[in-house]
């Protein structure tokens, strides 16, 4: 019981204290931080990172990594926008297919899950290290995005689609509702299902999991597929909010997701961490980004500061592991 209490203090309270201190500092240093408009602005902005980070958490819990989520986000957002705006034309078959909002979104989700499946298949069947497999997908998905958009934004997507990114429901922005559904689903998946227990077991000791009969390859493929799907969800939210699919969307989003996961207490070695911790990490990253903007900090210095935060979080994670 003492050990469990100690782990709880380390894994949870440090992030909560960091968030409190950060909010207090920004409230003192800026005039607009503690306003209702800014609060909802932050919540809307972190919704995308929450979706991506939840998928990243599942991957990291298996002792993997996914560097491709930013590019998958961009490609799926572009595909959704392109199908919604222009439909799909197949000249060789003299065929044109129009898409409703729901149809275009489903197509984007399927592509995201499919690209994630390719990541998982490469990692499990061909034993490609996750870093290399997802780095390759990062490059390919970005290339697919440029090919699909021809390097130009796709705009004018309509109010119905835009509602997903800018609308409100019961006084709460739609992106917050959507990310909340993603979080609750992931919490149930990781804490209440056999699949969730398999994820933690694989990250904790893959060899022992294999000897126990856990279908490691199948679980990992599903995990990477879910990560790709959630990147597509983020892509839809970004595209709907901007009413535009930008070819360069999602650049460095994978870094914010990894930062949220690590700051939230998930171990990069796998087997330890929670979805709620990742949500807290995403809030910290979102508040930090917002505060730096309000303080007119140079975008270049923002990158430096976020890099330092990630490094500090990893150092703390390693220190916690040594003390256990």
C-alpha atoms as a PDB file:
ATOM      1  CA  UNK A   1       0.000   0.000   0.000  1.00  0.00           C
ATOM      2  CA  UNK A   2       2.890   2.378   0.780  1.00  0.00           C
ATOM      3  CA  UNK A   3       4.444   1.744  -2.630  1.00  0.00           C
ATOM      4  CA  UNK A   4       1.145   2.363  -4.411  1.00  0.00           C
ATOM      5  CA  UNK A   5       0.664   5.637  -2.552  1.00  0.00           C
ATOM      6  CA  UNK A   6       4.179   6.724  -3.408  1.00  0.00           C
ATOM      7  CA  UNK A   7       3.671   5.988  -7.108  1.00  0.00           C
ATOM      8  CA  UNK A   8       0.409   7.911  -7.061  1.00  0.00           C
ATOM      9  CA  UNK A   9       2.104  10.960  -5.578  1.00  0.00           C
ATOM     10  CA  UNK A  10       4.898  10.891  -8.119  1.00  0.00           C
ATOM     11  CA  UNK A  11       2.809  10.138 -11.184  1.00  0.00           C
ATOM     12  CA  UNK A  12      -0.158  12.378 -10.457  1.00  0.00           C
ATOM     13  CA  UNK A  13       0.681  15.206  -8.076  1.00  0.00           C
ATOM     14  CA  UNK A  14       3.758  16.441  -9.936  1.00  0.00           C
ATOM     15  CA  UNK A  15       1.714  17.140 -13.062  1.00  0.00           C
ATOM     16  CA  UNK A  16      -1.112  18.722 -11.081  1.00  0.00           C
ATOM     17  CA  UNK A  17       1.297  20.952  -9.188  1.00  0.00           C
ATOM     18  CA  UNK A  18       3.024  21.908 -12.438  1.00  0.00           C
ATOM     19  CA  UNK A  19      -0.330  22.863 -13.987  1.00  0.00           C
ATOM     20  CA  UNK A  20      -1.314  24.920 -10.948  1.00  0.00           C
ATOM     21  CA  UNK A  21       2.020  26.778 -10.853  1.00  0.00           C
ATOM     22  CA  UNK A  22       1.880  27.376 -14.618  1.00  0.00           C
ATOM     23  CA  UNK A  23      -1.657  28.787 -14.467  1.00  0.00           C
ATOM     24  CA  UNK A  24      -0.774  30.968 -11.490  1.00  0.00           C
ATOM     25  CA  UNK A  25       2.290  32.357 -13.238  1.00  0.00           C
ATOM     26  CA  UNK A  26       0.395  33.112 -16.456  1.00  0.00           C
ATOM     27  CA  UNK A  27      -2.436  34.742 -14.524  1.00  0.00           C
ATOM     28  CA  UNK A  28       0.100  37.100 -12.943  1.00  0.00           C
ATOM     29  CA  UNK A  29       2.069  37.744 -16.146  1.00  0.00           C
ATOM     30  CA  UNK A  30      -0.806  38.284 -18.598  1.00  0.00           C
ATOM     31  CA  UNK A  31      -4.113  40.135 -18.550  1.00  0.00           C
ATOM     32  CA  UNK A  32      -6.151  37.821 -20.766  1.00  0.00           C
ATOM     33  CA  UNK A  33      -5.261  34.374 -19.465  1.00  0.00           C
ATOM     34  CA  UNK A  34      -7.940  34.151 -16.762  1.00  0.00           C
ATOM     35  CA  UNK A  35     -10.870  34.979 -19.047  1.00  0.00           C
ATOM     36  CA  UNK A  36     -13.766  32.815 -20.172  1.00  0.00           C
ATOM     37  CA  UNK A  37     -13.001  33.364 -23.851  1.00  0.00           C
ATOM     38  CA  UNK A  38      -9.396  32.309 -23.396  1.00  0.00           C
ATOM     39  CA  UNK A  39     -10.428  29.263 -21.360  1.00  0.00           C
ATOM     40  CA  UNK A  40     -12.646  27.953 -24.157  1.00  0.00           C
ATOM     41  CA  UNK A  41     -10.000  28.876 -26.702  1.00  0.00           C
ATOM     42  CA  UNK A  42      -7.477  26.710 -24.853  1.00  0.00           C
ATOM     43  CA  UNK A  43      -9.955  23.857 -24.495  1.00  0.00           C
ATOM     44  CA  UNK A  44     -10.790  23.989 -28.194  1.00  0.00           C
ATOM     45  CA  UNK A  45      -7.110  23.999 -29.143  1.00  0.00           C
ATOM     46  CA  UNK A  46      -6.112  21.108 -26.890  1.00  0.00           C
ATOM     47  CA  UNK A  47      -8.984  18.958 -28.147  1.00  0.00           C
ATOM     48  CA  UNK A  48      -6.976  17.977 -31.217  1.00  0.00           C
ATOM     49  CA  UNK A  49      -3.880  17.122 -29.184  1.00  0.00           C
ATOM     50  CA  UNK A  50      -6.011  15.131 -26.733  1.00  0.00           C
ATOM     51  CA  UNK A  51      -7.305  12.921 -29.552  1.00  0.00           C
ATOM     52  CA  UNK A  52      -3.816  12.350 -30.946  1.00  0.00           C
ATOM     53  CA  UNK A  53      -2.274  11.889 -27.500  1.00  0.00           C
ATOM     54  CA  UNK A  54      -4.787   9.220 -26.483  1.00  0.00           C
ATOM     55  CA  UNK A  55      -3.723   7.149 -29.482  1.00  0.00           C
ATOM     56  CA  UNK A  56      -0.080   7.876 -28.727  1.00  0.00           C
ATOM     57  CA  UNK A  57      -0.601   6.704 -25.138  1.00  0.00           C
ATOM     58  CA  UNK A  58      -1.816   3.311 -26.311  1.00  0.00           C
ATOM     59  CA  UNK A  59       1.234   2.971 -28.544  1.00  0.00           C
ATOM     60  CA  UNK A  60       3.695   4.069 -25.846  1.00  0.00           C
ATOM     61  CA  UNK A  61       2.103   1.699 -23.323  1.00  0.00           C
ATOM     62  CA  UNK A  62       3.227  -1.148 -25.600  1.00  0.00           C
ATOM     63  CA  UNK A  63       6.762   0.338 -25.516  1.00  0.00           C
ATOM     64  CA  UNK A  64       6.340   1.730 -29.034  1.00  0.00           C
ATOM     65  CA  UNK A  65       6.258   5.198 -30.590  1.00  0.00           C
ATOM     66  CA  UNK A  66       4.334   6.770 -33.465  1.00  0.00           C
ATOM     67  CA  UNK A  67       5.945   9.686 -35.276  1.00  0.00           C
ATOM     68  CA  UNK A  68       3.459   9.645 -38.151  1.00  0.00           C
ATOM     69  CA  UNK A  69       0.334  10.993 -36.433  1.00  0.00           C
ATOM     70  CA  UNK A  70       0.864  14.589 -37.579  1.00  0.00           C
ATOM     71  CA  UNK A  71       1.182  13.598 -41.230  1.00  0.00           C
ATOM     72  CA  UNK A  72      -1.725  11.164 -40.986  1.00  0.00           C
ATOM     73  CA  UNK A  73      -3.788  13.989 -39.500  1.00  0.00           C
ATOM     74  CA  UNK A  74      -2.968  16.203 -42.466  1.00  0.00           C
ATOM     75  CA  UNK A  75      -3.694  13.528 -45.088  1.00  0.00           C
ATOM     76  CA  UNK A  76      -6.978  12.414 -43.563  1.00  0.00           C
ATOM     77  CA  UNK A  77      -8.128  16.011 -43.150  1.00  0.00           C
ATOM     78  CA  UNK A  78      -7.246  16.704 -46.780  1.00  0.00           C
ATOM     79  CA  UNK A  79      -9.012  13.578 -48.027  1.00  0.00           C
ATOM     80  CA  UNK A  80     -12.133  14.416 -46.023  1.00  0.00           C
ATOM     81  CA  UNK A  81     -12.142  17.978 -47.353  1.00  0.00           C
ATOM     82  CA  UNK A  82     -11.441  16.902 -50.926  1.00  0.00           C
ATOM     83  CA  UNK A  83     -14.194  14.303 -51.012  1.00  0.00           C
ATOM     84  CA  UNK A  84     -16.658  16.688 -49.422  1.00  0.00           C
ATOM     85  CA  UNK A  85     -15.819  19.571 -51.755  1.00  0.00           C
ATOM     86  CA  UNK A  86     -15.120  17.781 -55.045  1.00  0.00           C
ATOM     87  CA  UNK A  87     -16.316  14.200 -54.653  1.00  0.00           C
ATOM     88  CA  UNK A  88     -14.374  11.326 -56.198  1.00  0.00           C
ATOM     89  CA  UNK A  89     -14.014  11.043 -59.958  1.00  0.00           C
ATOM     90  CA  UNK A  90     -12.792   7.881 -61.694  1.00  0.00           C
ATOM     91  CA  UNK A  91     -12.401   8.824 -65.406  1.00  0.00           C
ATOM     92  CA  UNK A  92     -11.456   5.321 -66.553  1.00  0.00           C
ATOM     93  CA  UNK A  93     -14.832   4.048 -65.345  1.00  0.00           C
ATOM     94  CA  UNK A  94     -16.668   7.249 -66.246  1.00  0.00           C
ATOM     95  CA  UNK A  95     -17.744   7.322 -62.604  1.00  0.00           C
ATOM     96  CA  UNK A  96     -18.320  10.172 -60.177  1.00  0.00           C
ATOM     97  CA  UNK A  97     -19.116   9.664 -56.504  1.00  0.00           C
ATOM     98  CA  UNK A  98     -20.430  12.502 -54.387  1.00  0.00           C
ATOM     99  CA  UNK A  99     -19.948  12.503 -50.621  1.00  0.00           C
ATOM    100  CA  UNK A 100     -22.080  13.747 -47.761  1.00  0.00           C
ATOM    101  CA  UNK A 101     -20.428  15.178 -44.659  1.00  0.00           C
ATOM    102  CA  UNK A 102     -20.755  11.838 -42.871  1.00  0.00           C
ATOM    103  CA  UNK A 103     -19.478   9.882 -45.868  1.00  0.00           C
ATOM    104  CA  UNK A 104     -16.412  12.090 -46.265  1.00  0.00           C
ATOM    105  CA  UNK A 105     -15.625  11.850 -42.541  1.00  0.00           C
ATOM    106  CA  UNK A 106     -15.963   8.062 -42.532  1.00  0.00           C
ATOM    107  CA  UNK A 107     -13.635   7.862 -45.549  1.00  0.00           C
ATOM    108  CA  UNK A 108     -11.053   9.961 -43.710  1.00  0.00           C
ATOM    109  CA  UNK A 109     -11.347   7.771 -40.624  1.00  0.00           C
ATOM    110  CA  UNK A 110     -10.901   4.598 -42.668  1.00  0.00           C
ATOM    111  CA  UNK A 111      -7.760   5.976 -44.280  1.00  0.00           C
ATOM    112  CA  UNK A 112      -6.353   6.968 -40.889  1.00  0.00           C
ATOM    113  CA  UNK A 113      -7.025   3.529 -39.463  1.00  0.00           C
ATOM    114  CA  UNK A 114      -5.568   1.946 -42.604  1.00  0.00           C
ATOM    115  CA  UNK A 115      -2.328   3.898 -42.391  1.00  0.00           C
ATOM    116  CA  UNK A 116      -2.082   2.987 -38.723  1.00  0.00           C
ATOM    117  CA  UNK A 117      -2.606  -0.650 -39.695  1.00  0.00           C
ATOM    118  CA  UNK A 118       0.348  -0.395 -42.087  1.00  0.00           C
ATOM    119  CA  UNK A 119       2.473   0.938 -39.209  1.00  0.00           C
ATOM    120  CA  UNK A 120       1.435  -1.936 -36.960  1.00  0.00           C
ATOM    121  CA  UNK A 121       1.959  -4.533 -39.669  1.00  0.00           C
ATOM    122  CA  UNK A 122       5.465  -3.244 -40.388  1.00  0.00           C
ATOM    123  CA  UNK A 123       6.331  -3.295 -36.687  1.00  0.00           C
ATOM    124  CA  UNK A 124       4.964  -6.791 -35.992  1.00  0.00           C
ATOM    125  CA  UNK A 125       5.366  -8.794 -39.189  1.00  0.00           C
ATOM    126  CA  UNK A 126       8.602  -7.318 -40.508  1.00  0.00           C
ATOM    127  CA  UNK A 127      10.072  -6.429 -37.087  1.00  0.00           C
ATOM    128  CA  UNK A 128      10.790  -2.868 -38.170  1.00  0.00           C
ATOM    129  CA  UNK A 129      11.541  -0.707 -35.109  1.00  0.00           C
ATOM    130  CA  UNK A 130       8.528   1.522 -34.363  1.00  0.00           C
ATOM    131  CA  UNK A 131      10.662   4.651 -34.689  1.00  0.00           C
ATOM    132  CA  UNK A 132      11.735   3.704 -38.232  1.00  0.00           C
ATOM    133  CA  UNK A 133       8.350   2.370 -39.382  1.00  0.00           C
ATOM    134  CA  UNK A 134       6.434   5.436 -38.268  1.00  0.00           C
ATOM    135  CA  UNK A 135       9.136   7.816 -39.486  1.00  0.00           C
ATOM    136  CA  UNK A 136       8.709   6.274 -42.937  1.00  0.00           C
ATOM    137  CA  UNK A 137       4.932   6.710 -42.672  1.00  0.00           C
ATOM    138  CA  UNK A 138       5.426  10.320 -41.591  1.00  0.00           C
ATOM    139  CA  UNK A 139       7.216  10.980 -44.885  1.00  0.00           C
ATOM    140  CA  UNK A 140       4.798   8.950 -47.023  1.00  0.00           C
ATOM    141  CA  UNK A 141       1.637  10.444 -45.531  1.00  0.00           C
ATOM    142  CA  UNK A 142       3.006  13.963 -45.993  1.00  0.00           C
ATOM    143  CA  UNK A 143       3.782  13.116 -49.606  1.00  0.00           C
ATOM    144  CA  UNK A 144       0.269  11.714 -50.099  1.00  0.00           C
ATOM    145  CA  UNK A 145      -1.108  14.967 -48.686  1.00  0.00           C
ATOM    146  CA  UNK A 146       0.840  17.046 -51.182  1.00  0.00           C
ATOM    147  CA  UNK A 147      -0.210  14.794 -54.052  1.00  0.00           C
ATOM    148  CA  UNK A 148      -3.883  14.927 -53.032  1.00  0.00           C
ATOM    149  CA  UNK A 149      -3.987  18.700 -52.531  1.00  0.00           C
ATOM    150  CA  UNK A 150      -1.404  19.537 -55.230  1.00  0.00           C
ATOM    151  CA  UNK A 151       0.127  21.791 -52.597  1.00  0.00           C
ATOM    152  CA  UNK A 152      -2.946  24.033 -52.315  1.00  0.00           C
ATOM    153  CA  UNK A 153      -5.507  24.394 -49.503  1.00  0.00           C
ATOM    154  CA  UNK A 154      -8.988  22.945 -49.971  1.00  0.00           C
ATOM    155  CA  UNK A 155     -11.479  25.512 -48.709  1.00  0.00           C
ATOM    156  CA  UNK A 156     -15.193  26.261 -48.604  1.00  0.00           C
ATOM    157  CA  UNK A 157     -16.379  23.093 -46.887  1.00  0.00           C
ATOM    158  CA  UNK A 158     -19.771  24.306 -45.685  1.00  0.00           C
ATOM    159  CA  UNK A 159     -21.407  25.187 -42.384  1.00  0.00           C
ATOM    160  CA  UNK A 160     -22.485  21.636 -41.517  1.00  0.00           C
ATOM    161  CA  UNK A 161     -18.921  20.391 -41.572  1.00  0.00           C
ATOM    162  CA  UNK A 162     -17.574  23.549 -39.950  1.00  0.00           C
ATOM    163  CA  UNK A 163     -19.928  23.049 -37.004  1.00  0.00           C
ATOM    164  CA  UNK A 164     -17.709  20.177 -35.838  1.00  0.00           C
ATOM    165  CA  UNK A 165     -14.814  22.573 -35.372  1.00  0.00           C
ATOM    166  CA  UNK A 166     -16.468  25.851 -34.426  1.00  0.00           C
ATOM    167  CA  UNK A 167     -19.959  24.966 -33.172  1.00  0.00           C
ATOM    168  CA  UNK A 168     -21.270  24.812 -29.615  1.00  0.00           C
ATOM    169  CA  UNK A 169     -23.570  22.302 -27.958  1.00  0.00           C
ATOM    170  CA  UNK A 170     -25.044  22.899 -24.491  1.00  0.00           C
ATOM    171  CA  UNK A 171     -22.569  25.735 -23.980  1.00  0.00           C
ATOM    172  CA  UNK A 172     -19.498  23.622 -24.750  1.00  0.00           C
ATOM    173  CA  UNK A 173     -17.490  23.661 -28.025  1.00  0.00           C
ATOM    174  CA  UNK A 174     -18.013  20.631 -30.251  1.00  0.00           C
ATOM    175  CA  UNK A 175     -14.290  19.716 -30.335  1.00  0.00           C
ATOM    176  CA  UNK A 176     -14.385  19.413 -26.541  1.00  0.00           C
ATOM    177  CA  UNK A 177     -17.370  17.061 -26.746  1.00  0.00           C
ATOM    178  CA  UNK A 178     -15.664  14.936 -29.378  1.00  0.00           C
ATOM    179  CA  UNK A 179     -12.352  14.732 -27.521  1.00  0.00           C
ATOM    180  CA  UNK A 180     -14.276  13.939 -24.331  1.00  0.00           C
ATOM    181  CA  UNK A 181     -15.961  10.986 -26.023  1.00  0.00           C
ATOM    182  CA  UNK A 182     -12.550   9.797 -27.226  1.00  0.00           C
ATOM    183  CA  UNK A 183     -11.119  10.043 -23.701  1.00  0.00           C
ATOM    184  CA  UNK A 184     -14.002   8.225 -21.989  1.00  0.00           C
ATOM    185  CA  UNK A 185     -13.903   5.457 -24.591  1.00  0.00           C
ATOM    186  CA  UNK A 186     -10.144   5.048 -24.158  1.00  0.00           C
ATOM    187  CA  UNK A 187     -10.430   4.993 -20.357  1.00  0.00           C
ATOM    188  CA  UNK A 188     -12.994   2.206 -20.535  1.00  0.00           C
ATOM    189  CA  UNK A 189     -10.886   0.362 -23.121  1.00  0.00           C
ATOM    190  CA  UNK A 190      -7.708   0.455 -21.036  1.00  0.00           C
ATOM    191  CA  UNK A 191      -9.199  -0.130 -17.591  1.00  0.00           C
ATOM    192  CA  UNK A 192     -12.234  -2.341 -18.127  1.00  0.00           C
ATOM    193  CA  UNK A 193     -11.397  -4.669 -21.026  1.00  0.00           C
ATOM    194  CA  UNK A 194      -9.122  -7.629 -21.687  1.00  0.00           C
ATOM    195  CA  UNK A 195      -7.612  -5.717 -24.603  1.00  0.00           C
ATOM    196  CA  UNK A 196      -6.544  -2.960 -22.219  1.00  0.00           C
ATOM    197  CA  UNK A 197      -4.920  -5.452 -19.865  1.00  0.00           C
ATOM    198  CA  UNK A 198      -3.065  -6.938 -22.824  1.00  0.00           C
ATOM    199  CA  UNK A 199      -1.688  -3.499 -23.736  1.00  0.00           C
ATOM    200  CA  UNK A 200      -0.223  -2.992 -20.251  1.00  0.00           C
ATOM    201  CA  UNK A 201       1.101  -6.552 -20.132  1.00  0.00           C
ATOM    202  CA  UNK A 202       2.911  -6.245 -23.454  1.00  0.00           C
ATOM    203  CA  UNK A 203       4.556  -2.993 -22.424  1.00  0.00           C
ATOM    204  CA  UNK A 204       5.492  -4.375 -19.032  1.00  0.00           C
ATOM    205  CA  UNK A 205       7.107  -7.588 -20.254  1.00  0.00           C
ATOM    206  CA  UNK A 206       6.622  -8.654 -23.855  1.00  0.00           C
ATOM    207  CA  UNK A 207       8.365 -12.016 -23.488  1.00  0.00           C
ATOM    208  CA  UNK A 208       6.253 -12.987 -20.492  1.00  0.00           C
ATOM    209  CA  UNK A 209       3.138 -11.847 -22.362  1.00  0.00           C
ATOM    210  CA  UNK A 210       4.025 -14.049 -25.302  1.00  0.00           C
ATOM    211  CA  UNK A 211       4.518 -17.046 -23.021  1.00  0.00           C
ATOM    212  CA  UNK A 212       1.157 -16.296 -21.424  1.00  0.00           C
ATOM    213  CA  UNK A 213      -0.565 -16.655 -24.774  1.00  0.00           C
ATOM    214  CA  UNK A 214      -1.328 -12.993 -25.403  1.00  0.00           C
ATOM    215  CA  UNK A 215      -1.647 -12.328 -29.179  1.00  0.00           C
ATOM    216  CA  UNK A 216       1.054  -9.668 -29.197  1.00  0.00           C
ATOM    217  CA  UNK A 217       1.094  -8.974 -32.918  1.00  0.00           C
ATOM    218  CA  UNK A 218      -2.681  -8.652 -33.114  1.00  0.00           C
ATOM    219  CA  UNK A 219      -2.814  -6.285 -30.154  1.00  0.00           C
ATOM    220  CA  UNK A 220      -0.031  -4.084 -31.517  1.00  0.00           C
ATOM    221  CA  UNK A 221      -1.632  -3.861 -34.951  1.00  0.00           C
ATOM    222  CA  UNK A 222      -4.899  -2.793 -33.329  1.00  0.00           C
ATOM    223  CA  UNK A 223      -3.080  -0.225 -31.181  1.00  0.00           C
ATOM    224  CA  UNK A 224      -1.349   1.405 -34.151  1.00  0.00           C
ATOM    225  CA  UNK A 225      -4.603   1.297 -36.132  1.00  0.00           C
ATOM    226  CA  UNK A 226      -6.417   3.093 -33.311  1.00  0.00           C
ATOM    227  CA  UNK A 227      -3.634   5.683 -33.173  1.00  0.00           C
ATOM    228  CA  UNK A 228      -4.072   6.307 -36.901  1.00  0.00           C
ATOM    229  CA  UNK A 229      -7.845   6.537 -36.508  1.00  0.00           C
ATOM    230  CA  UNK A 230      -7.554   9.096 -33.699  1.00  0.00           C
ATOM    231  CA  UNK A 231      -5.087  11.109 -35.779  1.00  0.00           C
ATOM    232  CA  UNK A 232      -7.806  11.189 -38.453  1.00  0.00           C
ATOM    233  CA  UNK A 233     -10.290  12.436 -35.847  1.00  0.00           C
ATOM    234  CA  UNK A 234      -7.846  15.229 -35.064  1.00  0.00           C
ATOM    235  CA  UNK A 235      -7.523  15.947 -38.782  1.00  0.00           C
ATOM    236  CA  UNK A 236     -11.274  16.361 -39.145  1.00  0.00           C
ATOM    237  CA  UNK A 237     -11.393  18.730 -36.155  1.00  0.00           C
ATOM    238  CA  UNK A 238      -8.546  20.887 -37.474  1.00  0.00           C
ATOM    239  CA  UNK A 239     -10.005  21.017 -40.971  1.00  0.00           C
ATOM    240  CA  UNK A 240     -13.497  21.846 -39.705  1.00  0.00           C
ATOM    241  CA  UNK A 241     -12.191  24.589 -37.406  1.00  0.00           C
ATOM    242  CA  UNK A 242     -10.220  26.277 -40.187  1.00  0.00           C
ATOM    243  CA  UNK A 243     -12.789  25.525 -42.920  1.00  0.00           C
ATOM    244  CA  UNK A 244      -9.717  24.527 -44.880  1.00  0.00           C
ATOM    245  CA  UNK A 245      -7.448  21.519 -45.375  1.00  0.00           C
ATOM    246  CA  UNK A 246      -3.890  22.835 -45.332  1.00  0.00           C
ATOM    247  CA  UNK A 247      -1.125  20.730 -46.952  1.00  0.00           C
ATOM    248  CA  UNK A 248       1.242  21.607 -44.098  1.00  0.00           C
ATOM    249  CA  UNK A 249      -1.248  20.866 -41.313  1.00  0.00           C
ATOM    250  CA  UNK A 250      -0.104  18.733 -38.404  1.00  0.00           C
ATOM    251  CA  UNK A 251       3.600  19.534 -38.608  1.00  0.00           C
ATOM    252  CA  UNK A 252       5.230  18.758 -35.216  1.00  0.00           C
ATOM    253  CA  UNK A 253       1.892  17.610 -33.759  1.00  0.00           C
ATOM    254  CA  UNK A 254       3.523  14.299 -32.924  1.00  0.00           C
ATOM    255  CA  UNK A 255       5.931  16.146 -30.625  1.00  0.00           C
ATOM    256  CA  UNK A 256       3.093  17.778 -28.694  1.00  0.00           C
ATOM    257  CA  UNK A 257       1.421  14.374 -28.389  1.00  0.00           C
ATOM    258  CA  UNK A 258       4.585  12.699 -27.104  1.00  0.00           C
ATOM    259  CA  UNK A 259       5.087  15.585 -24.689  1.00  0.00           C
ATOM    260  CA  UNK A 260       1.545  15.212 -23.352  1.00  0.00           C
ATOM    261  CA  UNK A 261       2.024  11.470 -22.895  1.00  0.00           C
ATOM    262  CA  UNK A 262       5.338  11.798 -21.052  1.00  0.00           C
ATOM    263  CA  UNK A 263       4.296  14.783 -18.921  1.00  0.00           C
ATOM    264  CA  UNK A 264       1.155  12.839 -18.012  1.00  0.00           C
ATOM    265  CA  UNK A 265       3.255  10.098 -16.431  1.00  0.00           C
ATOM    266  CA  UNK A 266       3.284   7.400 -19.113  1.00  0.00           C
ATOM    267  CA  UNK A 267       6.641   5.654 -19.213  1.00  0.00           C
ATOM    268  CA  UNK A 268       8.424   5.565 -22.570  1.00  0.00           C
ATOM    269  CA  UNK A 269       9.542   2.071 -21.581  1.00  0.00           C
ATOM    270  CA  UNK A 270       5.923   0.925 -21.714  1.00  0.00           C
ATOM    271  CA  UNK A 271       3.560  -0.751 -19.287  1.00  0.00           C
ATOM    272  CA  UNK A 272       2.855   2.232 -17.036  1.00  0.00           C
ATOM    273  CA  UNK A 273       0.599   5.232 -17.508  1.00  0.00           C
ATOM    274  CA  UNK A 274      -3.025   6.347 -17.745  1.00  0.00           C
ATOM    275  CA  UNK A 275      -5.294   8.112 -20.208  1.00  0.00           C
ATOM    276  CA  UNK A 276      -6.250  10.666 -17.553  1.00  0.00           C
ATOM    277  CA  UNK A 277      -2.578  11.446 -17.020  1.00  0.00           C
ATOM    278  CA  UNK A 278      -2.200  12.090 -20.736  1.00  0.00           C
ATOM    279  CA  UNK A 279      -5.208  14.422 -20.697  1.00  0.00           C
ATOM    280  CA  UNK A 280      -3.546  16.367 -17.885  1.00  0.00           C
ATOM    281  CA  UNK A 281      -0.325  16.452 -19.905  1.00  0.00           C
ATOM    282  CA  UNK A 282      -2.200  17.768 -22.948  1.00  0.00           C
ATOM    283  CA  UNK A 283      -3.753  20.503 -20.803  1.00  0.00           C
ATOM    284  CA  UNK A 284      -0.308  21.525 -19.557  1.00  0.00           C
ATOM    285  CA  UNK A 285       1.047  21.678 -23.113  1.00  0.00           C
ATOM    286  CA  UNK A 286      -2.020  23.631 -24.255  1.00  0.00           C
ATOM    287  CA  UNK A 287      -1.778  26.115 -21.395  1.00  0.00           C
ATOM    288  CA  UNK A 288       1.957  26.517 -22.022  1.00  0.00           C
ATOM    289  CA  UNK A 289       1.396  27.186 -25.742  1.00  0.00           C
ATOM    290  CA  UNK A 290      -1.388  29.639 -24.972  1.00  0.00           C
ATOM    291  CA  UNK A 291       0.646  31.450 -22.342  1.00  0.00           C
ATOM    292  CA  UNK A 292       3.678  31.816 -24.592  1.00  0.00           C
ATOM    293  CA  UNK A 293       1.470  33.316 -27.307  1.00  0.00           C
ATOM    294  CA  UNK A 294      -0.188  35.733 -24.880  1.00  0.00           C
ATOM    295  CA  UNK A 295       3.269  36.805 -23.699  1.00  0.00           C
ATOM    296  CA  UNK A 296       4.333  37.420 -27.332  1.00  0.00           C
ATOM    297  CA  UNK A 297       7.190  34.944 -27.063  1.00  0.00           C
ATOM    298  CA  UNK A 298       8.893  34.284 -30.402  1.00  0.00           C
ATOM    299  CA  UNK A 299       7.707  31.065 -32.112  1.00  0.00           C
ATOM    300  CA  UNK A 300      11.346  29.964 -32.271  1.00  0.00           C
ATOM    301  CA  UNK A 301      11.734  30.324 -28.519  1.00  0.00           C
ATOM    302  CA  UNK A 302       8.434  28.479 -28.076  1.00  0.00           C
ATOM    303  CA  UNK A 303       9.987  25.459 -29.765  1.00  0.00           C
ATOM    304  CA  UNK A 304      13.041  25.686 -27.523  1.00  0.00           C
ATOM    305  CA  UNK A 305      10.913  25.892 -24.381  1.00  0.00           C
ATOM    306  CA  UNK A 306       8.680  22.971 -25.373  1.00  0.00           C
ATOM    307  CA  UNK A 307      11.763  20.895 -26.149  1.00  0.00           C
ATOM    308  CA  UNK A 308      13.137  21.650 -22.698  1.00  0.00           C
ATOM    309  CA  UNK A 309       9.815  20.674 -21.114  1.00  0.00           C
ATOM    310  CA  UNK A 310       9.851  17.319 -22.930  1.00  0.00           C
ATOM    311  CA  UNK A 311      13.453  16.660 -21.842  1.00  0.00           C
ATOM    312  CA  UNK A 312      12.639  17.560 -18.245  1.00  0.00           C
ATOM    313  CA  UNK A 313       9.606  15.250 -18.272  1.00  0.00           C
ATOM    314  CA  UNK A 314      11.700  12.337 -19.558  1.00  0.00           C
ATOM    315  CA  UNK A 315      14.366  12.967 -16.910  1.00  0.00           C
ATOM    316  CA  UNK A 316      11.696  12.964 -14.200  1.00  0.00           C
ATOM    317  CA  UNK A 317      10.233   9.754 -15.644  1.00  0.00           C
ATOM    318  CA  UNK A 318      13.632   8.042 -15.505  1.00  0.00           C
ATOM    319  CA  UNK A 319      14.207   9.274 -11.967  1.00  0.00           C
ATOM    320  CA  UNK A 320      10.821   7.902 -10.898  1.00  0.00           C
ATOM    321  CA  UNK A 321      11.684   4.504 -12.378  1.00  0.00           C
ATOM    322  CA  UNK A 322      14.973   4.373 -10.475  1.00  0.00           C
ATOM    323  CA  UNK A 323      13.284   5.263  -7.204  1.00  0.00           C
ATOM    324  CA  UNK A 324      10.670   2.484  -7.515  1.00  0.00           C
END
